[in-house]
Amino acid sequence: MKDISDYSLCQLINEGSEKAYTEVYNRYWASIYLVAKNRTRDNEIAEEIVQTIFFNLWRRRTSVQILDSFQPYLAKAVKYEIINYYARSKHRENYLDWLSKYRNHLILRLRKNLTLNF
């Protein structure tokens, strides 16, 4: 499969070929990982982003259209997945802050109620 064009690999992936998918993964994993790592400056985040991209590629395998190369498709995927990752992180951070404040509020109310009942 090493000599097959990206266009042909895409057609095979559209048909559900795991071998074609593995070939794309092997061809592009390192390059998109480096892009993700350079932009996030974090190995674990970069790995998570790349894994998400390849998971989504397989999940959308029947609708992915590549005319020439996977490189532009994957470059855009890295860009948007990094944006999504940080948006989710910010949302999670805001939720945890709210939860922490709410938890403290509940503890104070419970203590107040307990002291009133005794």
Protein backbone atom coordinates (compact mmCIF):
# COMPACT_ATOMS: atom_id res chain seq x y z
CA MET A 1 0.00 0.00 0.00
CA LYS A 2 2.99 2.30 0.27
CA ASP A 3 2.83 3.22 -3.43
CA ILE A 4 -0.87 4.02 -3.47
CA SER A 5 -1.89 7.67 -3.86
CA ASP A 6 -3.82 9.45 -1.14
CA TYR A 7 -6.78 9.74 -3.51
CA SER A 8 -6.85 5.95 -3.93
CA LEU A 9 -6.38 5.43 -0.19
CA CYS A 10 -9.33 7.71 0.43
CA GLN A 11 -11.49 5.69 -1.93
CA LEU A 12 -10.47 2.51 -0.14
CA ILE A 13 -11.18 4.09 3.25
CA ASN A 14 -14.60 5.16 1.96
CA GLU A 15 -15.22 1.47 1.28
CA GLY A 16 -14.10 0.54 4.82
CA SER A 17 -10.55 -0.69 4.16
CA GLU A 18 -8.70 -0.96 7.47
CA LYS A 19 -5.43 -1.50 5.60
CA ALA A 20 -5.83 1.81 3.76
CA TYR A 21 -6.70 3.55 7.01
CA THR A 22 -3.61 2.06 8.68
CA GLU A 23 -1.47 3.27 5.78
CA VAL A 24 -2.77 6.84 6.15
CA TYR A 25 -2.19 6.61 9.90
CA ASN A 26 1.39 5.43 9.37
CA ARG A 27 2.09 8.07 6.72
CA TYR A 28 0.77 11.08 8.58
CA TRP A 29 0.72 10.39 12.33
CA ALA A 30 4.21 11.76 13.00
CA SER A 31 3.79 14.92 10.95
CA ILE A 32 0.46 15.93 12.43
CA TYR A 33 1.68 15.00 15.91
CA LEU A 34 4.58 17.43 15.47
CA VAL A 35 2.20 20.19 14.39
CA ALA A 36 -0.06 19.54 17.38
CA LYS A 37 2.92 19.35 19.76
CA ASN A 38 4.40 22.60 18.44
CA ARG A 39 1.09 24.41 18.85
CA THR A 40 0.13 22.98 22.25
CA ARG A 41 3.64 22.51 23.69
CA ASP A 42 2.34 19.41 25.47
CA ASN A 43 3.01 15.78 24.47
CA GLU A 44 -0.12 14.33 26.05
CA ILE A 45 -2.45 16.95 24.61
CA ALA A 46 -0.85 16.53 21.18
CA GLU A 47 -1.30 12.75 21.32
CA GLU A 48 -4.92 13.12 22.39
CA ILE A 49 -5.59 15.55 19.54
CA VAL A 50 -4.00 13.28 16.94
CA GLN A 51 -5.86 10.24 18.22
CA THR A 52 -9.12 12.18 18.05
CA ILE A 53 -8.38 13.21 14.48
CA PHE A 54 -7.74 9.65 13.39
CA PHE A 55 -10.74 8.37 15.31
CA ASN A 56 -12.92 10.93 13.53
CA LEU A 57 -11.38 10.05 10.17
CA TRP A 58 -12.46 6.43 10.65
CA ARG A 59 -15.85 7.42 12.03
CA ARG A 60 -16.48 9.61 8.96
CA ARG A 61 -14.81 7.23 6.54
CA THR A 62 -17.78 6.97 4.19
CA SER A 63 -18.00 10.72 3.65
CA VAL A 64 -14.35 11.87 3.58
CA GLN A 65 -13.36 13.29 0.20
CA ILE A 66 -9.66 13.72 -0.66
CA LEU A 67 -8.81 15.00 -4.11
CA ASP A 68 -5.03 15.00 -3.93
CA SER A 69 -3.48 14.59 -0.47
CA PHE A 70 -4.50 13.95 3.11
CA GLN A 71 -2.04 16.62 4.28
CA PRO A 72 -4.36 19.67 3.86
CA TYR A 73 -7.29 17.75 5.34
CA LEU A 74 -5.26 16.69 8.37
CA ALA A 75 -3.69 20.15 8.79
CA LYS A 76 -7.17 21.68 9.05
CA ALA A 77 -8.25 18.89 11.36
CA VAL A 78 -5.33 19.66 13.70
CA LYS A 79 -6.19 23.35 13.72
CA TYR A 80 -9.85 22.79 14.56
CA GLU A 81 -9.23 20.00 17.05
CA ILE A 82 -6.80 22.21 18.98
CA ILE A 83 -9.45 24.94 19.08
CA ASN A 84 -12.05 22.40 20.23
CA TYR A 85 -9.70 20.95 22.84
CA TYR A 86 -9.06 24.32 24.46
CA ALA A 87 -12.73 25.30 24.25
CA ARG A 88 -13.66 22.06 26.06
CA SER A 89 -10.89 22.65 28.59
CA LYS A 90 -12.10 26.18 29.29
CA HIS A 91 -15.68 24.96 29.63
CA ARG A 92 -14.54 22.18 31.97
CA GLU A 93 -12.50 24.68 34.01
CA ASN A 94 -15.48 27.03 34.33
CA TYR A 95 -17.70 24.14 35.37
CA LEU A 96 -15.22 22.96 37.99
CA ASP A 97 -14.94 26.51 39.36
CA TRP A 98 -18.71 26.76 39.58
CA LEU A 99 -18.95 23.32 41.16
CA SER A 100 -16.32 24.23 43.74
CA LYS A 101 -18.16 27.45 44.67
CA TYR A 102 -21.49 25.63 44.78
CA ARG A 103 -19.99 22.88 46.93
CA ASN A 104 -18.67 25.45 49.41
CA HIS A 105 -22.08 27.13 49.49
CA LEU A 106 -23.78 23.79 50.21
CA ILE A 107 -21.34 22.97 52.99
CA LEU A 108 -22.01 26.32 54.66
CA ARG A 109 -25.77 25.82 54.41
CA LEU A 110 -25.53 22.29 55.82
CA ARG A 111 -23.39 23.47 58.73
CA LYS A 112 -25.85 26.28 59.43
CA ASN A 113 -28.79 23.89 59.34
CA LEU A 114 -27.02 21.40 61.60
CA THR A 115 -26.22 24.03 64.20
CA LEU A 116 -29.80 25.34 64.12
CA ASN A 117 -31.21 21.87 64.71
CA PHE A 118 -29.08 21.23 67.80
